[in-house]
Amino acid sequence: SLRATDENVPQALAGYRPRISVTGSGGVQYNDTKTSTTVGNATVTSQSNNTFYPRGVGATATQPLFNGFQTGNRTRQAESQVAAARETLRTVEQTVLLDAVTAYMNLLRDTAILDLQRRNVEVIQEQLRQTRDRFNVGEVTRTAVAQAESRVAAAQSQMLQAQSNYVTSRAIYRRVIGVEPGKLAPGTPVDRLSPRTLPLAVAQGQAENPSVSAAEYGVDVAALQVKVSEGALYPVVTVQGSVQQNFEPSANVERQFTAAAIGQITVPIYQGGSEYSLIRQSKETVGQRRLELAVNRDQARANVVQAWGQLDAAKAQIDATKSQ
């Protein structure tokens, strides 16, 4: 998508360059002419016919000189579109990165949980064996044995669920990363990559978030569209040069050469009012893009605050779980 958007720039720059075309023609023409001439009281009739082969080549070049600054505004607009597309690409890259990290860490988590549940089953099975031994010597009742057997079944159920989650995480890892997982290294904390305080994180998020940057360029694109629309009210100045070489253009002419250079200015007087409607429409679009920029900034701030709160809560939960 970005590469396709890049092509808007040379398309806009084409407005500065001349347009050149070459034409060629050839064929056969037959004329049969009958004329009558009155001489005194007598009428003289004559008839002639001839065949000739008209052919020719020519070239025409048209160079725009002024079109109401539309070419320059379209070029700047195309450059802003490219910049916005690059920010959109950054958003895609961030999504891919997050998907990869999530798949990696989820597989690490589910691997650890599966190992934990397997060891838990072994521990509870050992407890069941000890409970049965105590039952055999009369220290506990049949109810204690039944409860121990129930705990073993529950632990096995949890292990099977953990195994299912592990298989699912492996499949997601293969889809996102593209290869089967090998031996995964433990994850590392991200504190060294994060701002130290929440206000700094919010400021950095609103300044560097690609969605916000893309929205800023979107405002530029819309503002330049207003200028492009206003350019339709200006006169258009062009100069055209042409050369034409014809052979046997008519029955009695053997060769004819023509060269011309013509300047032309077109001043719009009334175009049905559509150009004023386009200008108003472009200005409304600018307002829309500015509102979208404000929404993206608010969303970026909300995302940062939410992520910061989740990170703090996760750290506290880890500490509490370790204490437990």
C-alpha atoms as a PDB file:
ATOM      1  CA  SER A   1       0.000   0.000   0.000  1.00  0.00           C
ATOM      2  CA  LEU A   2       2.846   2.386   0.807  1.00  0.00           C
ATOM      3  CA  ARG A   3       4.585   1.672  -2.500  1.00  0.00           C
ATOM      4  CA  ALA A   4       1.337   2.326  -4.356  1.00  0.00           C
ATOM      5  CA  THR A   5       0.945   5.639  -2.499  1.00  0.00           C
ATOM      6  CA  ASP A   6       4.527   6.591  -3.413  1.00  0.00           C
ATOM      7  CA  GLU A   7       3.462   6.751  -7.050  1.00  0.00           C
ATOM      8  CA  ASN A   8       1.201   9.724  -6.286  1.00  0.00           C
ATOM      9  CA  VAL A   9       4.291  11.973  -6.173  1.00  0.00           C
ATOM     10  CA  PRO A  10       5.548  11.419  -9.764  1.00  0.00           C
ATOM     11  CA  GLN A  11       1.947  11.622 -10.958  1.00  0.00           C
ATOM     12  CA  ALA A  12       1.621  15.049  -9.345  1.00  0.00           C
ATOM     13  CA  LEU A  13       5.008  16.199 -10.660  1.00  0.00           C
ATOM     14  CA  ALA A  14       3.862  15.349 -14.189  1.00  0.00           C
ATOM     15  CA  GLY A  15       1.858  18.585 -14.110  1.00  0.00           C
ATOM     16  CA  TYR A  16       5.111  20.550 -14.477  1.00  0.00           C
ATOM     17  CA  ARG A  17       6.279  18.665 -17.559  1.00  0.00           C
ATOM     18  CA  PRO A  18       5.332  19.035 -21.224  1.00  0.00           C
ATOM     19  CA  ARG A  19       3.122  16.649 -23.133  1.00  0.00           C
ATOM     20  CA  ILE A  20       4.507  15.524 -26.487  1.00  0.00           C
ATOM     21  CA  SER A  21       2.750  13.468 -29.143  1.00  0.00           C
ATOM     22  CA  VAL A  22       3.695  12.311 -32.638  1.00  0.00           C
ATOM     23  CA  THR A  23       1.182  11.574 -35.374  1.00  0.00           C
ATOM     24  CA  GLY A  24       1.461   9.984 -38.779  1.00  0.00           C
ATOM     25  CA  SER A  25      -1.036   9.551 -41.572  1.00  0.00           C
ATOM     26  CA  GLY A  26      -1.150   8.031 -45.032  1.00  0.00           C
ATOM     27  CA  GLY A  27      -3.679   6.870 -47.588  1.00  0.00           C
ATOM     28  CA  VAL A  28      -5.000   7.216 -51.099  1.00  0.00           C
ATOM     29  CA  GLN A  29      -7.469   9.799 -52.438  1.00  0.00           C
ATOM     30  CA  TYR A  30      -9.313   9.782 -55.776  1.00  0.00           C
ATOM     31  CA  ASN A  31     -10.985  12.886 -57.198  1.00  0.00           C
ATOM     32  CA  ASP A  32     -13.401  12.963 -60.164  1.00  0.00           C
ATOM     33  CA  THR A  33     -14.403  16.512 -61.068  1.00  0.00           C
ATOM     34  CA  LYS A  34     -16.863  17.698 -63.710  1.00  0.00           C
ATOM     35  CA  THR A  35     -17.142  21.438 -64.453  1.00  0.00           C
ATOM     36  CA  SER A  36     -19.336  23.496 -66.750  1.00  0.00           C
ATOM     37  CA  THR A  37     -18.335  26.890 -68.187  1.00  0.00           C
ATOM     38  CA  THR A  38     -20.542  29.221 -70.232  1.00  0.00           C
ATOM     39  CA  VAL A  39     -18.840  31.052 -73.077  1.00  0.00           C
ATOM     40  CA  GLY A  40     -21.272  33.348 -74.817  1.00  0.00           C
ATOM     41  CA  ASN A  41     -24.307  31.246 -75.676  1.00  0.00           C
ATOM     42  CA  ALA A  42     -22.350  28.011 -75.489  1.00  0.00           C
ATOM     43  CA  THR A  43     -21.702  25.805 -72.477  1.00  0.00           C
ATOM     44  CA  VAL A  44     -18.365  24.042 -72.267  1.00  0.00           C
ATOM     45  CA  THR A  45     -18.185  20.952 -70.093  1.00  0.00           C
ATOM     46  CA  SER A  46     -14.934  19.459 -68.864  1.00  0.00           C
ATOM     47  CA  GLN A  47     -14.164  16.471 -66.664  1.00  0.00           C
ATOM     48  CA  SER A  48     -10.981  15.540 -64.831  1.00  0.00           C
ATOM     49  CA  ASN A  49      -9.942  12.857 -62.408  1.00  0.00           C
ATOM     50  CA  ASN A  50      -6.764  12.169 -60.524  1.00  0.00           C
ATOM     51  CA  THR A  51      -5.404   9.924 -57.843  1.00  0.00           C
ATOM     52  CA  PHE A  52      -2.866  11.022 -55.245  1.00  0.00           C
ATOM     53  CA  TYR A  53      -1.434   9.632 -52.038  1.00  0.00           C
ATOM     54  CA  PRO A  54      -1.532  12.107 -49.127  1.00  0.00           C
ATOM     55  CA  ARG A  55       0.745  11.289 -46.227  1.00  0.00           C
ATOM     56  CA  GLY A  56       2.380  13.201 -43.461  1.00  0.00           C
ATOM     57  CA  VAL A  57       4.063  13.216 -40.059  1.00  0.00           C
ATOM     58  CA  GLY A  58       3.814  15.742 -37.258  1.00  0.00           C
ATOM     59  CA  ALA A  59       4.662  16.442 -33.632  1.00  0.00           C
ATOM     60  CA  THR A  60       2.934  18.547 -30.990  1.00  0.00           C
ATOM     61  CA  ALA A  61       4.274  19.690 -27.608  1.00  0.00           C
ATOM     62  CA  THR A  62       2.175  21.424 -24.947  1.00  0.00           C
ATOM     63  CA  GLN A  63       3.846  23.051 -21.934  1.00  0.00           C
ATOM     64  CA  PRO A  64       1.713  24.301 -19.022  1.00  0.00           C
ATOM     65  CA  LEU A  65       2.997  27.581 -17.614  1.00  0.00           C
ATOM     66  CA  PHE A  66       0.429  28.378 -14.917  1.00  0.00           C
ATOM     67  CA  ASN A  67      -2.585  26.501 -13.602  1.00  0.00           C
ATOM     68  CA  GLY A  68      -3.456  28.294 -10.388  1.00  0.00           C
ATOM     69  CA  PHE A  69      -0.651  26.648  -8.351  1.00  0.00           C
ATOM     70  CA  GLN A  70      -2.523  23.343  -8.580  1.00  0.00           C
ATOM     71  CA  THR A  71       0.535  21.295  -9.574  1.00  0.00           C
ATOM     72  CA  GLY A  72       2.625  22.527  -6.640  1.00  0.00           C
ATOM     73  CA  ASN A  73      -0.206  21.952  -4.173  1.00  0.00           C
ATOM     74  CA  ARG A  74      -0.909  18.497  -5.600  1.00  0.00           C
ATOM     75  CA  THR A  75       2.778  17.608  -5.256  1.00  0.00           C
ATOM     76  CA  ARG A  76       2.900  18.698  -1.610  1.00  0.00           C
ATOM     77  CA  GLN A  77      -0.367  16.859  -1.016  1.00  0.00           C
ATOM     78  CA  ALA A  78       1.088  13.662  -2.504  1.00  0.00           C
ATOM     79  CA  GLU A  79       4.169  13.980  -0.304  1.00  0.00           C
ATOM     80  CA  SER A  80       1.949  14.313   2.774  1.00  0.00           C
ATOM     81  CA  GLN A  81       0.017  11.225   1.649  1.00  0.00           C
ATOM     82  CA  VAL A  82       3.292   9.295   1.455  1.00  0.00           C
ATOM     83  CA  ALA A  83       4.273  10.465   4.945  1.00  0.00           C
ATOM     84  CA  ALA A  84       0.865   9.375   6.300  1.00  0.00           C
ATOM     85  CA  ALA A  85       1.215   5.992   4.586  1.00  0.00           C
ATOM     86  CA  ARG A  86       4.614   5.525   6.229  1.00  0.00           C
ATOM     87  CA  GLU A  87       3.043   6.135   9.639  1.00  0.00           C
ATOM     88  CA  THR A  88       0.357   3.591   8.769  1.00  0.00           C
ATOM     89  CA  LEU A  89       3.136   1.142   7.936  1.00  0.00           C
ATOM     90  CA  ARG A  90       4.619   1.818  11.388  1.00  0.00           C
ATOM     91  CA  THR A  91       1.254   0.908  12.899  1.00  0.00           C
ATOM     92  CA  VAL A  92       1.284  -2.397  11.011  1.00  0.00           C
ATOM     93  CA  GLU A  93       4.852  -3.058  12.158  1.00  0.00           C
ATOM     94  CA  GLN A  94       3.866  -2.415  15.779  1.00  0.00           C
ATOM     95  CA  THR A  95       0.928  -4.795  15.444  1.00  0.00           C
ATOM     96  CA  VAL A  96       3.162  -7.522  14.013  1.00  0.00           C
ATOM     97  CA  LEU A  97       5.713  -6.952  16.789  1.00  0.00           C
ATOM     98  CA  LEU A  98       3.039  -7.113  19.497  1.00  0.00           C
ATOM     99  CA  ASP A  99       1.559 -10.298  18.002  1.00  0.00           C
ATOM    100  CA  ALA A 100       5.005 -11.898  17.951  1.00  0.00           C
ATOM    101  CA  VAL A 101       5.813 -10.930  21.540  1.00  0.00           C
ATOM    102  CA  THR A 102       2.377 -12.058  22.733  1.00  0.00           C
ATOM    103  CA  ALA A 103       2.703 -15.434  21.016  1.00  0.00           C
ATOM    104  CA  TYR A 104       6.221 -15.880  22.444  1.00  0.00           C
ATOM    105  CA  MET A 105       5.302 -14.987  26.018  1.00  0.00           C
ATOM    106  CA  ASN A 106       2.039 -16.938  25.973  1.00  0.00           C
ATOM    107  CA  LEU A 107       3.911 -20.062  24.922  1.00  0.00           C
ATOM    108  CA  LEU A 108       6.434 -19.541  27.722  1.00  0.00           C
ATOM    109  CA  ARG A 109       3.556 -19.092  30.181  1.00  0.00           C
ATOM    110  CA  ASP A 110       1.597 -22.150  29.035  1.00  0.00           C
ATOM    111  CA  THR A 111       4.756 -24.269  28.993  1.00  0.00           C
ATOM    112  CA  ALA A 112       5.468 -23.338  32.612  1.00  0.00           C
ATOM    113  CA  ILE A 113       1.848 -23.909  33.650  1.00  0.00           C
ATOM    114  CA  LEU A 114       1.791 -27.344  31.980  1.00  0.00           C
ATOM    115  CA  ASP A 115       5.011 -28.317  33.781  1.00  0.00           C
ATOM    116  CA  LEU A 116       3.544 -27.050  37.051  1.00  0.00           C
ATOM    117  CA  GLN A 117       0.317 -29.018  36.599  1.00  0.00           C
ATOM    118  CA  ARG A 118       2.243 -32.197  35.775  1.00  0.00           C
ATOM    119  CA  ARG A 119       4.319 -31.880  38.934  1.00  0.00           C
ATOM    120  CA  ASN A 120       1.152 -31.068  40.874  1.00  0.00           C
ATOM    121  CA  VAL A 121      -0.425 -34.325  39.662  1.00  0.00           C
ATOM    122  CA  GLU A 122       2.681 -36.236  40.806  1.00  0.00           C
ATOM    123  CA  VAL A 123       2.565 -34.599  44.244  1.00  0.00           C
ATOM    124  CA  ILE A 124      -1.155 -35.257  44.743  1.00  0.00           C
ATOM    125  CA  GLN A 125      -0.764 -38.869  43.537  1.00  0.00           C
ATOM    126  CA  GLU A 126       1.929 -39.317  46.181  1.00  0.00           C
ATOM    127  CA  GLN A 127      -0.450 -37.846  48.779  1.00  0.00           C
ATOM    128  CA  LEU A 128      -3.118 -40.327  47.641  1.00  0.00           C
ATOM    129  CA  ARG A 129      -0.657 -43.197  48.073  1.00  0.00           C
ATOM    130  CA  GLN A 130       0.200 -42.022  51.585  1.00  0.00           C
ATOM    131  CA  THR A 131      -3.488 -41.609  52.455  1.00  0.00           C
ATOM    132  CA  ARG A 132      -4.195 -45.173  51.309  1.00  0.00           C
ATOM    133  CA  ASP A 133      -1.292 -46.459  53.444  1.00  0.00           C
ATOM    134  CA  ARG A 134      -2.692 -44.609  56.452  1.00  0.00           C
ATOM    135  CA  PHE A 135      -6.145 -46.031  55.699  1.00  0.00           C
ATOM    136  CA  ASN A 136      -4.707 -49.519  55.613  1.00  0.00           C
ATOM    137  CA  VAL A 137      -3.323 -49.086  59.148  1.00  0.00           C
ATOM    138  CA  GLY A 138      -6.530 -47.458  60.363  1.00  0.00           C
ATOM    139  CA  GLU A 139      -5.329 -43.874  60.824  1.00  0.00           C
ATOM    140  CA  VAL A 140      -7.871 -42.293  58.382  1.00  0.00           C
ATOM    141  CA  THR A 141     -11.324 -43.093  57.089  1.00  0.00           C
ATOM    142  CA  ARG A 142     -12.580 -44.092  53.645  1.00  0.00           C
ATOM    143  CA  THR A 143     -13.764 -40.501  53.207  1.00  0.00           C
ATOM    144  CA  ALA A 144     -10.190 -39.194  53.380  1.00  0.00           C
ATOM    145  CA  VAL A 145      -9.182 -41.634  50.637  1.00  0.00           C
ATOM    146  CA  ALA A 146     -12.132 -40.542  48.469  1.00  0.00           C
ATOM    147  CA  GLN A 147     -11.194 -36.900  48.956  1.00  0.00           C
ATOM    148  CA  ALA A 148      -7.592 -37.618  47.960  1.00  0.00           C
ATOM    149  CA  GLU A 149      -8.796 -39.471  44.869  1.00  0.00           C
ATOM    150  CA  SER A 150     -11.021 -36.481  43.987  1.00  0.00           C
ATOM    151  CA  ARG A 151      -8.037 -34.118  44.289  1.00  0.00           C
ATOM    152  CA  VAL A 152      -6.058 -36.353  41.916  1.00  0.00           C
ATOM    153  CA  ALA A 153      -8.886 -36.263  39.349  1.00  0.00           C
ATOM    154  CA  ALA A 154      -9.140 -32.467  39.656  1.00  0.00           C
ATOM    155  CA  ALA A 155      -5.377 -32.100  39.210  1.00  0.00           C
ATOM    156  CA  GLN A 156      -5.458 -34.342  36.146  1.00  0.00           C
ATOM    157  CA  SER A 157      -8.291 -32.242  34.698  1.00  0.00           C
ATOM    158  CA  GLN A 158      -6.249 -29.072  35.246  1.00  0.00           C
ATOM    159  CA  MET A 159      -3.249 -30.715  33.617  1.00  0.00           C
ATOM    160  CA  LEU A 160      -5.285 -31.681  30.542  1.00  0.00           C
ATOM    161  CA  GLN A 161      -6.599 -28.105  30.289  1.00  0.00           C
ATOM    162  CA  ALA A 162      -3.040 -26.788  30.554  1.00  0.00           C
ATOM    163  CA  GLN A 163      -1.965 -29.215  27.847  1.00  0.00           C
ATOM    164  CA  SER A 164      -4.751 -27.964  25.575  1.00  0.00           C
ATOM    165  CA  ASN A 165      -3.672 -24.351  26.169  1.00  0.00           C
ATOM    166  CA  TYR A 166      -0.071 -25.314  25.421  1.00  0.00           C
ATOM    167  CA  VAL A 167      -1.015 -26.901  22.091  1.00  0.00           C
ATOM    168  CA  THR A 168      -3.061 -23.834  21.168  1.00  0.00           C
ATOM    169  CA  SER A 169      -0.176 -21.492  22.024  1.00  0.00           C
ATOM    170  CA  ARG A 170       2.220 -23.556  19.911  1.00  0.00           C
ATOM    171  CA  ALA A 171      -0.161 -23.311  16.955  1.00  0.00           C
ATOM    172  CA  ILE A 172      -0.481 -19.529  17.390  1.00  0.00           C
ATOM    173  CA  TYR A 173       3.324 -19.230  17.651  1.00  0.00           C
ATOM    174  CA  ARG A 174       3.727 -21.162  14.399  1.00  0.00           C
ATOM    175  CA  ARG A 175       1.185 -18.935  12.653  1.00  0.00           C
ATOM    176  CA  VAL A 176       2.639 -15.643  13.876  1.00  0.00           C
ATOM    177  CA  ILE A 177       6.383 -16.397  13.835  1.00  0.00           C
ATOM    178  CA  GLY A 178       6.395 -18.753  10.868  1.00  0.00           C
ATOM    179  CA  VAL A 179       8.496 -21.573  12.368  1.00  0.00           C
ATOM    180  CA  GLU A 180       8.015 -24.202  15.035  1.00  0.00           C
ATOM    181  CA  PRO A 181       9.153 -23.032  18.488  1.00  0.00           C
ATOM    182  CA  GLY A 182      12.486 -24.289  19.729  1.00  0.00           C
ATOM    183  CA  LYS A 183      13.957 -23.686  23.155  1.00  0.00           C
ATOM    184  CA  LEU A 184      12.631 -20.271  24.145  1.00  0.00           C
ATOM    185  CA  ALA A 185      14.699 -17.979  26.333  1.00  0.00           C
ATOM    186  CA  PRO A 186      12.935 -16.332  29.281  1.00  0.00           C
ATOM    187  CA  GLY A 187      11.434 -12.899  28.743  1.00  0.00           C
ATOM    188  CA  THR A 188      13.167  -9.789  30.056  1.00  0.00           C
ATOM    189  CA  PRO A 189      11.597  -6.782  31.819  1.00  0.00           C
ATOM    190  CA  VAL A 190      10.711  -3.770  29.685  1.00  0.00           C
ATOM    191  CA  ASP A 191      11.267  -1.123  32.366  1.00  0.00           C
ATOM    192  CA  ARG A 192      14.548   0.047  30.817  1.00  0.00           C
ATOM    193  CA  LEU A 193      12.670   0.801  27.562  1.00  0.00           C
ATOM    194  CA  SER A 194       9.795   2.682  29.199  1.00  0.00           C
ATOM    195  CA  PRO A 195       9.554   6.317  30.358  1.00  0.00           C
ATOM    196  CA  ARG A 196      10.094   6.766  34.060  1.00  0.00           C
ATOM    197  CA  THR A 197       6.804   8.487  34.845  1.00  0.00           C
ATOM    198  CA  LEU A 198       3.268   8.375  33.504  1.00  0.00           C
ATOM    199  CA  PRO A 199       3.244  12.034  32.316  1.00  0.00           C
ATOM    200  CA  LEU A 200       6.412  11.365  30.296  1.00  0.00           C
ATOM    201  CA  ALA A 201       4.826   8.237  28.832  1.00  0.00           C
ATOM    202  CA  VAL A 202       1.677  10.149  27.864  1.00  0.00           C
ATOM    203  CA  ALA A 203       3.697  12.934  26.236  1.00  0.00           C
ATOM    204  CA  GLN A 204       5.827  10.463  24.305  1.00  0.00           C
ATOM    205  CA  GLY A 205       2.778   8.468  23.232  1.00  0.00           C
ATOM    206  CA  GLN A 206       0.944  11.516  21.900  1.00  0.00           C
ATOM    207  CA  ALA A 207       4.058  12.787  20.099  1.00  0.00           C
ATOM    208  CA  GLU A 208       5.313   9.531  18.556  1.00  0.00           C
ATOM    209  CA  ASN A 209       2.235   7.351  18.165  1.00  0.00           C
ATOM    210  CA  PRO A 210       2.003   6.537  14.428  1.00  0.00           C
ATOM    211  CA  SER A 211      -1.781   6.874  14.441  1.00  0.00           C
ATOM    212  CA  VAL A 212      -1.425  10.450  15.714  1.00  0.00           C
ATOM    213  CA  SER A 213       1.307  11.234  13.182  1.00  0.00           C
ATOM    214  CA  ALA A 214      -0.789   9.794  10.345  1.00  0.00           C
ATOM    215  CA  ALA A 215      -3.731  11.940  11.461  1.00  0.00           C
ATOM    216  CA  GLU A 216      -1.494  15.042  11.461  1.00  0.00           C
ATOM    217  CA  TYR A 217      -0.460  14.365   7.878  1.00  0.00           C
ATOM    218  CA  GLY A 218      -4.128  13.757   7.082  1.00  0.00           C
ATOM    219  CA  VAL A 219      -4.854  17.336   8.154  1.00  0.00           C
ATOM    220  CA  ASP A 220      -2.095  18.560   5.817  1.00  0.00           C
ATOM    221  CA  VAL A 221      -3.526  16.548   2.920  1.00  0.00           C
ATOM    222  CA  ALA A 222      -6.998  17.994   3.479  1.00  0.00           C
ATOM    223  CA  ALA A 223      -5.691  21.577   3.803  1.00  0.00           C
ATOM    224  CA  LEU A 224      -3.765  21.256   0.529  1.00  0.00           C
ATOM    225  CA  GLN A 225      -6.896  19.910  -1.152  1.00  0.00           C
ATOM    226  CA  VAL A 226      -8.573  23.235  -0.326  1.00  0.00           C
ATOM    227  CA  LYS A 227      -5.801  25.050  -2.214  1.00  0.00           C
ATOM    228  CA  VAL A 228      -6.092  22.639  -5.138  1.00  0.00           C
ATOM    229  CA  SER A 229      -9.832  23.304  -5.301  1.00  0.00           C
ATOM    230  CA  GLU A 230      -9.250  27.061  -5.147  1.00  0.00           C
ATOM    231  CA  GLY A 231      -6.815  26.730  -8.067  1.00  0.00           C
ATOM    232  CA  ALA A 232      -9.780  26.066 -10.359  1.00  0.00           C
ATOM    233  CA  LEU A 233     -10.683  29.774 -10.008  1.00  0.00           C
ATOM    234  CA  TYR A 234      -7.373  30.919 -11.488  1.00  0.00           C
ATOM    235  CA  PRO A 235      -6.581  31.316 -15.188  1.00  0.00           C
ATOM    236  CA  VAL A 236      -4.645  28.609 -17.042  1.00  0.00           C
ATOM    237  CA  VAL A 237      -1.723  29.529 -19.286  1.00  0.00           C
ATOM    238  CA  THR A 238      -0.187  27.082 -21.780  1.00  0.00           C
ATOM    239  CA  VAL A 239       2.065  27.267 -24.813  1.00  0.00           C
ATOM    240  CA  GLN A 240       1.835  24.790 -27.676  1.00  0.00           C
ATOM    241  CA  GLY A 241       4.311  24.128 -30.461  1.00  0.00           C
ATOM    242  CA  SER A 242       3.675  21.934 -33.474  1.00  0.00           C
ATOM    243  CA  VAL A 243       5.371  20.902 -36.724  1.00  0.00           C
ATOM    244  CA  GLN A 244       3.729  19.097 -39.608  1.00  0.00           C
ATOM    245  CA  GLN A 245       5.255  17.731 -42.801  1.00  0.00           C
ATOM    246  CA  ASN A 246       2.766  16.630 -45.471  1.00  0.00           C
ATOM    247  CA  PHE A 247       3.385  15.038 -48.865  1.00  0.00           C
ATOM    248  CA  GLU A 248       0.802  15.402 -51.623  1.00  0.00           C
ATOM    249  CA  PRO A 249      -1.752  17.038 -49.335  1.00  0.00           C
ATOM    250  CA  SER A 250      -3.842  17.905 -52.388  1.00  0.00           C
ATOM    251  CA  ALA A 251      -3.914  17.156 -56.074  1.00  0.00           C
ATOM    252  CA  ASN A 252      -1.729  20.061 -57.152  1.00  0.00           C
ATOM    253  CA  VAL A 253       0.577  20.334 -54.129  1.00  0.00           C
ATOM    254  CA  GLU A 254       3.634  18.104 -53.871  1.00  0.00           C
ATOM    255  CA  ARG A 255       4.836  18.982 -50.374  1.00  0.00           C
ATOM    256  CA  GLN A 256       3.752  21.210 -47.489  1.00  0.00           C
ATOM    257  CA  PHE A 257       5.536  22.041 -44.205  1.00  0.00           C
ATOM    258  CA  THR A 258       3.826  23.812 -41.287  1.00  0.00           C
ATOM    259  CA  ALA A 259       5.261  25.002 -37.956  1.00  0.00           C
ATOM    260  CA  ALA A 260       3.411  26.911 -35.239  1.00  0.00           C
ATOM    261  CA  ALA A 261       3.899  28.172 -31.677  1.00  0.00           C
ATOM    262  CA  ILE A 262       0.756  29.326 -29.915  1.00  0.00           C
ATOM    263  CA  GLY A 263       0.235  30.671 -26.427  1.00  0.00           C
ATOM    264  CA  GLN A 264      -3.143  30.300 -24.806  1.00  0.00           C
ATOM    265  CA  ILE A 265      -4.725  31.726 -21.651  1.00  0.00           C
ATOM    266  CA  THR A 266      -8.065  30.493 -20.327  1.00  0.00           C
ATOM    267  CA  VAL A 267      -9.846  32.597 -17.716  1.00  0.00           C
ATOM    268  CA  PRO A 268     -12.796  30.893 -15.966  1.00  0.00           C
ATOM    269  CA  ILE A 269     -15.808  33.163 -15.667  1.00  0.00           C
ATOM    270  CA  TYR A 270     -18.620  30.837 -14.655  1.00  0.00           C
ATOM    271  CA  GLN A 271     -18.450  27.064 -14.316  1.00  0.00           C
ATOM    272  CA  GLY A 272     -21.873  26.302 -12.903  1.00  0.00           C
ATOM    273  CA  GLY A 273     -20.834  26.846  -9.274  1.00  0.00           C
ATOM    274  CA  SER A 274     -19.290  23.402  -8.842  1.00  0.00           C
ATOM    275  CA  GLU A 275     -15.834  24.783  -8.033  1.00  0.00           C
ATOM    276  CA  TYR A 276     -17.213  26.784  -5.077  1.00  0.00           C
ATOM    277  CA  SER A 277     -18.998  23.681  -3.826  1.00  0.00           C
ATOM    278  CA  LEU A 278     -15.737  21.716  -4.029  1.00  0.00           C
ATOM    279  CA  ILE A 279     -13.956  24.417  -2.024  1.00  0.00           C
ATOM    280  CA  ARG A 280     -16.625  24.327   0.703  1.00  0.00           C
ATOM    281  CA  GLN A 281     -16.512  20.539   0.704  1.00  0.00           C
ATOM    282  CA  SER A 282     -12.710  20.544   1.060  1.00  0.00           C
ATOM    283  CA  LYS A 283     -12.904  22.956   4.012  1.00  0.00           C
ATOM    284  CA  GLU A 284     -15.418  20.701   5.766  1.00  0.00           C
ATOM    285  CA  THR A 285     -13.055  17.774   5.229  1.00  0.00           C
ATOM    286  CA  VAL A 286     -10.281  19.770   6.915  1.00  0.00           C
ATOM    287  CA  GLY A 287     -12.523  20.181   9.948  1.00  0.00           C
ATOM    288  CA  GLN A 288     -13.219  16.466   9.963  1.00  0.00           C
ATOM    289  CA  ARG A 289      -9.499  15.612   9.802  1.00  0.00           C
ATOM    290  CA  ARG A 290      -8.767  17.956  12.706  1.00  0.00           C
ATOM    291  CA  LEU A 291     -11.428  16.268  14.816  1.00  0.00           C
ATOM    292  CA  GLU A 292      -9.954  12.880  13.897  1.00  0.00           C
ATOM    293  CA  LEU A 293      -6.528  14.136  15.016  1.00  0.00           C
ATOM    294  CA  ALA A 294      -7.989  15.158  18.384  1.00  0.00           C
ATOM    295  CA  VAL A 295      -9.669  11.756  18.732  1.00  0.00           C
ATOM    296  CA  ASN A 296      -6.407   9.943  17.929  1.00  0.00           C
ATOM    297  CA  ARG A 297      -4.516  11.994  20.501  1.00  0.00           C
ATOM    298  CA  ASP A 298      -7.128  11.230  23.158  1.00  0.00           C
ATOM    299  CA  GLN A 299      -7.054   7.552  22.213  1.00  0.00           C
ATOM    300  CA  ALA A 300      -3.248   7.481  22.399  1.00  0.00           C
ATOM    301  CA  ARG A 301      -3.367   9.019  25.860  1.00  0.00           C
ATOM    302  CA  ALA A 302      -6.012   6.526  27.011  1.00  0.00           C
ATOM    303  CA  ASN A 303      -3.968   3.602  25.657  1.00  0.00           C
ATOM    304  CA  VAL A 304      -0.836   4.769  27.475  1.00  0.00           C
ATOM    305  CA  VAL A 305      -2.671   5.268  30.781  1.00  0.00           C
ATOM    306  CA  GLN A 306      -4.346   1.871  30.430  1.00  0.00           C
ATOM    307  CA  ALA A 307      -1.093   0.081  29.591  1.00  0.00           C
ATOM    308  CA  TRP A 308       0.709   1.850  32.462  1.00  0.00           C
ATOM    309  CA  GLY A 309      -1.993   0.803  34.911  1.00  0.00           C
ATOM    310  CA  GLN A 310      -1.942  -2.790  33.673  1.00  0.00           C
ATOM    311  CA  LEU A 311       1.833  -2.929  34.026  1.00  0.00           C
ATOM    312  CA  ASP A 312       1.738  -1.601  37.604  1.00  0.00           C
ATOM    313  CA  ALA A 313      -1.051  -4.037  38.483  1.00  0.00           C
ATOM    314  CA  ALA A 314       0.866  -6.951  36.970  1.00  0.00           C
ATOM    315  CA  LYS A 315       3.985  -6.089  38.968  1.00  0.00           C
ATOM    316  CA  ALA A 316       1.964  -5.908  42.193  1.00  0.00           C
ATOM    317  CA  GLN A 317       0.245  -9.188  41.371  1.00  0.00           C
ATOM    318  CA  ILE A 318       3.612 -10.868  40.804  1.00  0.00           C
ATOM    319  CA  ASP A 319       4.876  -9.666  44.165  1.00  0.00           C
ATOM    320  CA  ALA A 320       1.703 -10.810  45.923  1.00  0.00           C
ATOM    321  CA  THR A 321       1.810 -14.197  44.211  1.00  0.00           C
ATOM    322  CA  LYS A 322       5.431 -14.712  45.229  1.00  0.00           C
ATOM    323  CA  SER A 323       4.550 -13.888  48.843  1.00  0.00           C
ATOM    324  CA  GLN A 324       1.633 -16.343  48.683  1.00  0.00           C
END
